[in-house]
C-alpha atoms as a PDB file:
ATOM      1  CA  UNK A   1     -23.436 -27.544   2.735  1.00  0.00           C
ATOM      2  CA  UNK A   2     -20.774 -27.117   0.042  1.00  0.00           C
ATOM      3  CA  UNK A   3     -18.450 -30.026  -0.677  1.00  0.00           C
ATOM      4  CA  UNK A   4     -15.114 -29.176   1.034  1.00  0.00           C
ATOM      5  CA  UNK A   5     -13.179 -32.210  -0.194  1.00  0.00           C
ATOM      6  CA  UNK A   6      -9.770 -31.207  -1.654  1.00  0.00           C
ATOM      7  CA  UNK A   7     -10.568 -32.308  -5.195  1.00  0.00           C
ATOM      8  CA  UNK A   8     -13.490 -29.846  -5.317  1.00  0.00           C
ATOM      9  CA  UNK A   9     -11.541 -26.823  -4.018  1.00  0.00           C
ATOM     10  CA  UNK A  10      -9.401 -24.342  -5.925  1.00  0.00           C
ATOM     11  CA  UNK A  11      -5.759 -23.902  -4.950  1.00  0.00           C
ATOM     12  CA  UNK A  12      -6.540 -20.511  -3.433  1.00  0.00           C
ATOM     13  CA  UNK A  13      -9.389 -22.003  -1.349  1.00  0.00           C
ATOM     14  CA  UNK A  14      -7.064 -24.743  -0.046  1.00  0.00           C
ATOM     15  CA  UNK A  15      -4.413 -22.169   0.880  1.00  0.00           C
ATOM     16  CA  UNK A  16      -7.079 -20.179   2.702  1.00  0.00           C
ATOM     17  CA  UNK A  17      -8.109 -23.234   4.738  1.00  0.00           C
ATOM     18  CA  UNK A  18      -4.506 -24.162   5.607  1.00  0.00           C
ATOM     19  CA  UNK A  19      -3.766 -20.647   6.871  1.00  0.00           C
ATOM     20  CA  UNK A  20      -6.886 -20.547   9.090  1.00  0.00           C
ATOM     21  CA  UNK A  21      -6.153 -21.504  12.685  1.00  0.00           C
ATOM     22  CA  UNK A  22      -8.559 -22.157  15.546  1.00  0.00           C
ATOM     23  CA  UNK A  23      -7.805 -19.109  17.670  1.00  0.00           C
ATOM     24  CA  UNK A  24     -10.025 -20.320  20.510  1.00  0.00           C
ATOM     25  CA  UNK A  25      -7.772 -23.372  20.923  1.00  0.00           C
ATOM     26  CA  UNK A  26      -4.528 -21.372  21.110  1.00  0.00           C
ATOM     27  CA  UNK A  27      -3.107 -19.216  23.861  1.00  0.00           C
ATOM     28  CA  UNK A  28      -2.242 -15.581  23.150  1.00  0.00           C
ATOM     29  CA  UNK A  29       1.436 -16.276  22.522  1.00  0.00           C
ATOM     30  CA  UNK A  30       0.753 -19.098  20.062  1.00  0.00           C
ATOM     31  CA  UNK A  31      -1.685 -16.925  18.134  1.00  0.00           C
ATOM     32  CA  UNK A  32       1.008 -14.470  17.102  1.00  0.00           C
ATOM     33  CA  UNK A  33       4.208 -16.512  17.072  1.00  0.00           C
ATOM     34  CA  UNK A  34       3.909 -18.035  13.580  1.00  0.00           C
ATOM     35  CA  UNK A  35       4.440 -14.889  11.522  1.00  0.00           C
ATOM     36  CA  UNK A  36       5.639 -12.439  14.149  1.00  0.00           C
ATOM     37  CA  UNK A  37       9.340 -13.036  13.642  1.00  0.00           C
ATOM     38  CA  UNK A  38       9.071 -12.222   9.948  1.00  0.00           C
ATOM     39  CA  UNK A  39       7.253  -8.975  10.609  1.00  0.00           C
ATOM     40  CA  UNK A  40       9.758  -7.958  13.269  1.00  0.00           C
ATOM     41  CA  UNK A  41      12.626  -8.570  10.892  1.00  0.00           C
ATOM     42  CA  UNK A  42      10.893  -6.661   8.110  1.00  0.00           C
ATOM     43  CA  UNK A  43      10.205  -3.651  10.311  1.00  0.00           C
ATOM     44  CA  UNK A  44      13.803  -3.701  11.544  1.00  0.00           C
ATOM     45  CA  UNK A  45      15.075  -3.774   7.951  1.00  0.00           C
ATOM     46  CA  UNK A  46      12.742  -0.954   6.943  1.00  0.00           C
ATOM     47  CA  UNK A  47      13.771   1.088   9.959  1.00  0.00           C
ATOM     48  CA  UNK A  48      17.460   0.695   9.081  1.00  0.00           C
ATOM     49  CA  UNK A  49      16.740   1.618   5.473  1.00  0.00           C
ATOM     50  CA  UNK A  50      15.020   4.859   6.462  1.00  0.00           C
ATOM     51  CA  UNK A  51      16.816   6.039   9.603  1.00  0.00           C
ATOM     52  CA  UNK A  52      20.137   5.502  11.358  1.00  0.00           C
ATOM     53  CA  UNK A  53      19.360   4.001  14.785  1.00  0.00           C
ATOM     54  CA  UNK A  54      22.124   2.410  16.814  1.00  0.00           C
ATOM     55  CA  UNK A  55      20.243  -0.422  18.547  1.00  0.00           C
ATOM     56  CA  UNK A  56      18.100  -3.316  17.380  1.00  0.00           C
ATOM     57  CA  UNK A  57      14.565  -3.654  18.681  1.00  0.00           C
ATOM     58  CA  UNK A  58      13.519  -6.959  17.142  1.00  0.00           C
ATOM     59  CA  UNK A  59      13.277  -8.742  20.507  1.00  0.00           C
ATOM     60  CA  UNK A  60      11.304  -5.854  21.986  1.00  0.00           C
ATOM     61  CA  UNK A  61       9.038  -5.919  18.933  1.00  0.00           C
ATOM     62  CA  UNK A  62       8.126  -9.584  19.436  1.00  0.00           C
ATOM     63  CA  UNK A  63       7.663  -9.134  23.180  1.00  0.00           C
ATOM     64  CA  UNK A  64       5.435  -6.088  22.657  1.00  0.00           C
ATOM     65  CA  UNK A  65       3.184  -7.910  20.173  1.00  0.00           C
ATOM     66  CA  UNK A  66       2.799 -10.951  22.437  1.00  0.00           C
ATOM     67  CA  UNK A  67       2.022  -8.841  25.500  1.00  0.00           C
ATOM     68  CA  UNK A  68      -0.465  -6.673  23.581  1.00  0.00           C
ATOM     69  CA  UNK A  69      -2.345  -9.742  22.330  1.00  0.00           C
ATOM     70  CA  UNK A  70      -2.336 -11.262  25.823  1.00  0.00           C
ATOM     71  CA  UNK A  71      -3.845  -8.063  27.214  1.00  0.00           C
ATOM     72  CA  UNK A  72      -6.559  -8.133  24.540  1.00  0.00           C
ATOM     73  CA  UNK A  73      -7.139 -11.904  24.269  1.00  0.00           C
ATOM     74  CA  UNK A  74     -10.841 -11.433  25.005  1.00  0.00           C
ATOM     75  CA  UNK A  75     -11.171  -9.609  21.672  1.00  0.00           C
ATOM     76  CA  UNK A  76      -9.747 -12.449  19.565  1.00  0.00           C
ATOM     77  CA  UNK A  77     -12.667 -13.487  17.372  1.00  0.00           C
ATOM     78  CA  UNK A  78     -13.845 -17.106  17.637  1.00  0.00           C
ATOM     79  CA  UNK A  79     -12.894 -19.475  14.843  1.00  0.00           C
ATOM     80  CA  UNK A  80     -15.439 -19.528  12.033  1.00  0.00           C
ATOM     81  CA  UNK A  81     -16.796 -16.041  12.719  1.00  0.00           C
ATOM     82  CA  UNK A  82     -15.060 -14.501   9.704  1.00  0.00           C
ATOM     83  CA  UNK A  83     -13.452 -11.905  11.985  1.00  0.00           C
ATOM     84  CA  UNK A  84      -9.970 -11.576  13.444  1.00  0.00           C
ATOM     85  CA  UNK A  85      -7.842  -9.492  15.782  1.00  0.00           C
ATOM     86  CA  UNK A  86      -5.931  -7.034  13.605  1.00  0.00           C
ATOM     87  CA  UNK A  87      -2.464  -6.194  14.963  1.00  0.00           C
ATOM     88  CA  UNK A  88      -0.805  -3.007  13.766  1.00  0.00           C
ATOM     89  CA  UNK A  89       2.702  -2.103  14.945  1.00  0.00           C
ATOM     90  CA  UNK A  90       3.823   1.388  13.940  1.00  0.00           C
ATOM     91  CA  UNK A  91       6.600   3.849  14.634  1.00  0.00           C
ATOM     92  CA  UNK A  92       6.865   7.602  14.160  1.00  0.00           C
ATOM     93  CA  UNK A  93       9.401  10.365  14.789  1.00  0.00           C
ATOM     94  CA  UNK A  94       8.415  12.384  17.842  1.00  0.00           C
ATOM     95  CA  UNK A  95      11.162  14.900  18.610  1.00  0.00           C
ATOM     96  CA  UNK A  96      10.335  18.640  18.271  1.00  0.00           C
ATOM     97  CA  UNK A  97      11.798  19.533  14.878  1.00  0.00           C
ATOM     98  CA  UNK A  98      10.222  21.123  11.811  1.00  0.00           C
ATOM     99  CA  UNK A  99      13.116  20.651   9.396  1.00  0.00           C
ATOM    100  CA  UNK A 100      13.207  17.934   6.763  1.00  0.00           C
ATOM    101  CA  UNK A 101      15.557  15.382   8.303  1.00  0.00           C
ATOM    102  CA  UNK A 102      15.458  11.985  10.052  1.00  0.00           C
ATOM    103  CA  UNK A 103      14.120  12.166  13.587  1.00  0.00           C
ATOM    104  CA  UNK A 104      16.363  11.684  16.609  1.00  0.00           C
ATOM    105  CA  UNK A 105      13.559  10.335  18.798  1.00  0.00           C
ATOM    106  CA  UNK A 106      10.942   7.715  17.948  1.00  0.00           C
ATOM    107  CA  UNK A 107       7.866   6.179  19.495  1.00  0.00           C
ATOM    108  CA  UNK A 108       7.036   2.551  18.791  1.00  0.00           C
ATOM    109  CA  UNK A 109       3.444   1.522  19.445  1.00  0.00           C
ATOM    110  CA  UNK A 110       1.055  -1.352  18.778  1.00  0.00           C
ATOM    111  CA  UNK A 111      -2.695  -1.214  18.578  1.00  0.00           C
ATOM    112  CA  UNK A 112      -5.110  -4.087  18.065  1.00  0.00           C
ATOM    113  CA  UNK A 113      -8.761  -4.122  17.103  1.00  0.00           C
ATOM    114  CA  UNK A 114     -11.318  -6.758  16.060  1.00  0.00           C
ATOM    115  CA  UNK A 115     -12.103  -6.511  12.344  1.00  0.00           C
ATOM    116  CA  UNK A 116     -14.329  -8.232   9.810  1.00  0.00           C
ATOM    117  CA  UNK A 117     -13.576  -9.022   6.143  1.00  0.00           C
ATOM    118  CA  UNK A 118     -11.396  -6.494   4.322  1.00  0.00           C
ATOM    119  CA  UNK A 119     -13.679  -6.419   1.280  1.00  0.00           C
ATOM    120  CA  UNK A 120     -17.452  -5.982   1.287  1.00  0.00           C
ATOM    121  CA  UNK A 121     -19.271  -9.278   0.937  1.00  0.00           C
ATOM    122  CA  UNK A 122     -16.561 -11.294   2.668  1.00  0.00           C
ATOM    123  CA  UNK A 123     -14.567 -13.951   0.815  1.00  0.00           C
ATOM    124  CA  UNK A 124     -16.366 -13.568  -2.515  1.00  0.00           C
ATOM    125  CA  UNK A 125     -14.572 -12.949  -5.828  1.00  0.00           C
ATOM    126  CA  UNK A 126     -13.841  -9.244  -6.207  1.00  0.00           C
ATOM    127  CA  UNK A 127     -13.589  -7.030  -9.287  1.00  0.00           C
ATOM    128  CA  UNK A 128     -10.495  -4.903  -9.738  1.00  0.00           C
ATOM    129  CA  UNK A 129      -9.240  -2.528 -12.404  1.00  0.00           C
ATOM    130  CA  UNK A 130      -5.826  -1.704 -13.826  1.00  0.00           C
ATOM    131  CA  UNK A 131      -5.023   1.710 -12.392  1.00  0.00           C
ATOM    132  CA  UNK A 132      -3.822   4.651 -14.477  1.00  0.00           C
ATOM    133  CA  UNK A 133      -1.900   5.824 -11.407  1.00  0.00           C
ATOM    134  CA  UNK A 134       1.466   4.586 -10.133  1.00  0.00           C
ATOM    135  CA  UNK A 135       1.730   3.363  -6.532  1.00  0.00           C
ATOM    136  CA  UNK A 136       5.490   3.847  -6.314  1.00  0.00           C
ATOM    137  CA  UNK A 137       8.314   5.504  -8.234  1.00  0.00           C
ATOM    138  CA  UNK A 138      11.150   3.639  -9.965  1.00  0.00           C
ATOM    139  CA  UNK A 139      14.080   3.351  -7.516  1.00  0.00           C
ATOM    140  CA  UNK A 140      11.831   4.784  -4.813  1.00  0.00           C
ATOM    141  CA  UNK A 141      10.511   3.487  -1.494  1.00  0.00           C
ATOM    142  CA  UNK A 142       7.774   1.162  -2.749  1.00  0.00           C
ATOM    143  CA  UNK A 143       9.375  -1.765  -0.909  1.00  0.00           C
ATOM    144  CA  UNK A 144       9.293   0.086   2.442  1.00  0.00           C
ATOM    145  CA  UNK A 145       6.213  -0.158   4.666  1.00  0.00           C
ATOM    146  CA  UNK A 146       5.936   3.583   5.247  1.00  0.00           C
ATOM    147  CA  UNK A 147       2.942   5.912   5.309  1.00  0.00           C
ATOM    148  CA  UNK A 148       3.905   7.666   2.097  1.00  0.00           C
ATOM    149  CA  UNK A 149       3.289   4.490   0.070  1.00  0.00           C
ATOM    150  CA  UNK A 150      -0.288   4.268   1.312  1.00  0.00           C
ATOM    151  CA  UNK A 151      -0.814   7.994   0.718  1.00  0.00           C
ATOM    152  CA  UNK A 152       0.000   7.470  -2.968  1.00  0.00           C
ATOM    153  CA  UNK A 153      -2.904   5.030  -3.321  1.00  0.00           C
ATOM    154  CA  UNK A 154      -5.658   6.933  -1.489  1.00  0.00           C
ATOM    155  CA  UNK A 155      -6.983   9.023  -4.386  1.00  0.00           C
ATOM    156  CA  UNK A 156      -6.791   6.018  -6.709  1.00  0.00           C
ATOM    157  CA  UNK A 157      -8.783   3.739  -4.376  1.00  0.00           C
ATOM    158  CA  UNK A 158     -11.480   6.366  -3.795  1.00  0.00           C
ATOM    159  CA  UNK A 159     -11.814   6.761  -7.563  1.00  0.00           C
ATOM    160  CA  UNK A 160     -11.934   2.967  -8.026  1.00  0.00           C
ATOM    161  CA  UNK A 161     -14.722   2.630  -5.460  1.00  0.00           C
ATOM    162  CA  UNK A 162     -16.658   5.450  -7.129  1.00  0.00           C
ATOM    163  CA  UNK A 163     -16.366   3.543 -10.406  1.00  0.00           C
ATOM    164  CA  UNK A 164     -17.649   0.320  -8.810  1.00  0.00           C
ATOM    165  CA  UNK A 165     -14.344  -1.534  -8.395  1.00  0.00           C
ATOM    166  CA  UNK A 166     -13.060  -3.178  -5.214  1.00  0.00           C
ATOM    167  CA  UNK A 167      -9.357  -2.483  -5.749  1.00  0.00           C
ATOM    168  CA  UNK A 168      -6.660  -1.299  -8.154  1.00  0.00           C
ATOM    169  CA  UNK A 169      -4.035  -3.371  -9.889  1.00  0.00           C
ATOM    170  CA  UNK A 170      -0.849  -1.323 -10.130  1.00  0.00           C
ATOM    171  CA  UNK A 171       1.638  -1.958 -12.905  1.00  0.00           C
ATOM    172  CA  UNK A 172       5.374  -1.276 -12.689  1.00  0.00           C
ATOM    173  CA  UNK A 173       6.001   2.491 -12.890  1.00  0.00           C
ATOM    174  CA  UNK A 174       8.923   2.230 -15.314  1.00  0.00           C
ATOM    175  CA  UNK A 175       7.334   0.308 -18.214  1.00  0.00           C
ATOM    176  CA  UNK A 176       3.710  -0.288 -17.111  1.00  0.00           C
ATOM    177  CA  UNK A 177       3.909  -3.805 -18.546  1.00  0.00           C
ATOM    178  CA  UNK A 178       4.395  -5.875 -15.368  1.00  0.00           C
ATOM    179  CA  UNK A 179       2.080  -6.616 -12.432  1.00  0.00           C
ATOM    180  CA  UNK A 180       3.081  -5.126  -9.081  1.00  0.00           C
ATOM    181  CA  UNK A 181       0.461  -5.131  -6.293  1.00  0.00           C
ATOM    182  CA  UNK A 182      -2.687  -3.381  -5.100  1.00  0.00           C
ATOM    183  CA  UNK A 183      -2.867  -0.524  -2.626  1.00  0.00           C
ATOM    184  CA  UNK A 184      -2.909  -2.921   0.324  1.00  0.00           C
ATOM    185  CA  UNK A 185      -2.160  -6.475  -0.818  1.00  0.00           C
ATOM    186  CA  UNK A 186       0.101  -8.655  -2.967  1.00  0.00           C
ATOM    187  CA  UNK A 187      -1.032 -10.738  -5.921  1.00  0.00           C
ATOM    188  CA  UNK A 188      -0.891 -14.523  -6.157  1.00  0.00           C
ATOM    189  CA  UNK A 189      -1.593 -16.480  -9.337  1.00  0.00           C
ATOM    190  CA  UNK A 190      -2.164 -20.159 -10.078  1.00  0.00           C
ATOM    191  CA  UNK A 191      -1.203 -21.443 -13.526  1.00  0.00           C
ATOM    192  CA  UNK A 192      -3.270 -23.951 -15.469  1.00  0.00           C
ATOM    193  CA  UNK A 193      -0.698 -26.640 -14.667  1.00  0.00           C
ATOM    194  CA  UNK A 194      -0.867 -25.894 -10.921  1.00  0.00           C
ATOM    195  CA  UNK A 195       2.131 -23.630 -10.314  1.00  0.00           C
ATOM    196  CA  UNK A 196       2.005 -20.948  -7.615  1.00  0.00           C
ATOM    197  CA  UNK A 197       3.253 -17.597  -9.009  1.00  0.00           C
ATOM    198  CA  UNK A 198       3.875 -14.281  -7.235  1.00  0.00           C
ATOM    199  CA  UNK A 199       5.178 -11.077  -8.861  1.00  0.00           C
ATOM    200  CA  UNK A 200       8.745 -10.016  -8.133  1.00  0.00           C
ATOM    201  CA  UNK A 201       9.735  -6.345  -8.126  1.00  0.00           C
ATOM    202  CA  UNK A 202      12.001  -3.967  -6.213  1.00  0.00           C
ATOM    203  CA  UNK A 203       8.998  -1.690  -5.550  1.00  0.00           C
ATOM    204  CA  UNK A 204       6.692  -4.332  -4.021  1.00  0.00           C
ATOM    205  CA  UNK A 205       6.273  -4.642  -0.259  1.00  0.00           C
ATOM    206  CA  UNK A 206       7.853  -7.935   0.930  1.00  0.00           C
ATOM    207  CA  UNK A 207       4.634  -9.384   2.293  1.00  0.00           C
ATOM    208  CA  UNK A 208       4.994 -11.876   5.144  1.00  0.00           C
ATOM    209  CA  UNK A 209       1.586 -13.301   4.196  1.00  0.00           C
ATOM    210  CA  UNK A 210       2.800 -13.926   0.651  1.00  0.00           C
ATOM    211  CA  UNK A 211       6.012 -15.522   1.908  1.00  0.00           C
ATOM    212  CA  UNK A 212       4.008 -17.760   4.260  1.00  0.00           C
ATOM    213  CA  UNK A 213       1.723 -18.858   1.412  1.00  0.00           C
ATOM    214  CA  UNK A 214       4.711 -19.595  -0.809  1.00  0.00           C
ATOM    215  CA  UNK A 215       6.089 -21.879   1.906  1.00  0.00           C
ATOM    216  CA  UNK A 216       2.727 -23.618   2.427  1.00  0.00           C
ATOM    217  CA  UNK A 217       2.234 -24.077  -1.312  1.00  0.00           C
ATOM    218  CA  UNK A 218       5.673 -25.667  -1.745  1.00  0.00           C
ATOM    219  CA  UNK A 219       6.099 -27.665   1.464  1.00  0.00           C
ATOM    220  CA  UNK A 220       2.514 -28.658   2.289  1.00  0.00           C
ATOM    221  CA  UNK A 221       0.729 -28.753  -1.071  1.00  0.00           C
ATOM    222  CA  UNK A 222       3.711 -29.873  -3.139  1.00  0.00           C
ATOM    223  CA  UNK A 223       3.211 -27.068  -5.653  1.00  0.00           C
ATOM    224  CA  UNK A 224       5.971 -25.598  -7.776  1.00  0.00           C
ATOM    225  CA  UNK A 225       6.499 -21.987  -6.646  1.00  0.00           C
ATOM    226  CA  UNK A 226       7.706 -19.173  -8.923  1.00  0.00           C
ATOM    227  CA  UNK A 227       8.631 -15.750  -7.551  1.00  0.00           C
ATOM    228  CA  UNK A 228       9.280 -13.815 -10.743  1.00  0.00           C
ATOM    229  CA  UNK A 229       8.311 -10.883 -12.918  1.00  0.00           C
ATOM    230  CA  UNK A 230       4.736 -11.271 -14.151  1.00  0.00           C
ATOM    231  CA  UNK A 231       3.855  -9.514 -17.372  1.00  0.00           C
ATOM    232  CA  UNK A 232       0.342  -8.110 -17.517  1.00  0.00           C
ATOM    233  CA  UNK A 233      -0.310  -9.742 -20.898  1.00  0.00           C
ATOM    234  CA  UNK A 234       0.048 -13.206 -19.313  1.00  0.00           C
ATOM    235  CA  UNK A 235      -2.551 -12.589 -16.571  1.00  0.00           C
ATOM    236  CA  UNK A 236      -5.353 -13.762 -18.855  1.00  0.00           C
ATOM    237  CA  UNK A 237      -3.684 -17.164 -19.095  1.00  0.00           C
ATOM    238  CA  UNK A 238      -3.666 -17.912 -15.351  1.00  0.00           C
ATOM    239  CA  UNK A 239      -6.261 -20.287 -13.929  1.00  0.00           C
ATOM    240  CA  UNK A 240      -6.714 -18.355 -10.663  1.00  0.00           C
ATOM    241  CA  UNK A 241      -5.884 -14.962  -9.199  1.00  0.00           C
ATOM    242  CA  UNK A 242      -6.059 -13.720  -5.630  1.00  0.00           C
ATOM    243  CA  UNK A 243      -4.869 -11.035  -3.247  1.00  0.00           C
ATOM    244  CA  UNK A 244      -3.023 -11.718  -0.013  1.00  0.00           C
ATOM    245  CA  UNK A 245      -2.026  -9.597   2.957  1.00  0.00           C
ATOM    246  CA  UNK A 246      -2.450  -9.082   6.693  1.00  0.00           C
ATOM    247  CA  UNK A 247      -5.840  -7.420   6.196  1.00  0.00           C
ATOM    248  CA  UNK A 248      -6.888  -8.963   2.879  1.00  0.00           C
ATOM    249  CA  UNK A 249      -5.850 -12.472   4.089  1.00  0.00           C
ATOM    250  CA  UNK A 250      -6.624 -14.411   0.874  1.00  0.00           C
ATOM    251  CA  UNK A 251      -9.218 -12.733  -1.343  1.00  0.00           C
ATOM    252  CA  UNK A 252     -10.137 -14.321  -4.701  1.00  0.00           C
ATOM    253  CA  UNK A 253     -10.220 -12.065  -7.768  1.00  0.00           C
ATOM    254  CA  UNK A 254     -13.077 -12.745 -10.143  1.00  0.00           C
ATOM    255  CA  UNK A 255     -12.524 -10.063 -12.767  1.00  0.00           C
ATOM    256  CA  UNK A 256      -9.761  -7.672 -13.862  1.00  0.00           C
ATOM    257  CA  UNK A 257     -10.771  -4.712 -16.029  1.00  0.00           C
ATOM    258  CA  UNK A 258      -8.073  -3.055 -18.131  1.00  0.00           C
END
């Protein structure tokens, strides 16, 4: 059995352990309460940025997530299995109109499903490449969790997989000199002197997972946290690199190919 004492673990491995909770020892409400408020607020902000709705639904959002997990508690994977219950809230315009305009009627839904590791091989170091494509446009909607942002990355990820890579690293679309994110996760870096660094950009999704890890790194591990622009030419100088997100959780990066 591998030595799991703190002095023999990387910073990313320690963060991964601290964010793992024993689901079988928690009730359904406790399982979702830690990060739910952040996601509700983010979806509310994104909704207001995209459409003009007159009422807030943050409380209904939280209630809907809790009730959905309660109804599907039997599908919450046991601790240590490497699986989890994936929760996906989504909203779409549903009124009968063909024109290009904001919808007047919306449906808000939540689905859950048991899932295994996001990347093949589980929590092993992955290989990514620097993509020739842009995920988002300058002054666009890259910071909004909308379907169009994922659509932009679909061709690029298929091409990456065909070339033998696990993911793409996207650079900023304006100068292509700064690190942004992947198609489905944010980057985290650890410096050689133990600082926790995450890229800052107006076209990056404001990941709740990343924000949670920043808090854990600062308040539980005592690490200095930097949320700033990260130039691609400094990536080679970091001690560790990983991806983080709802699906990716914390995935270590072993190699970046330019």
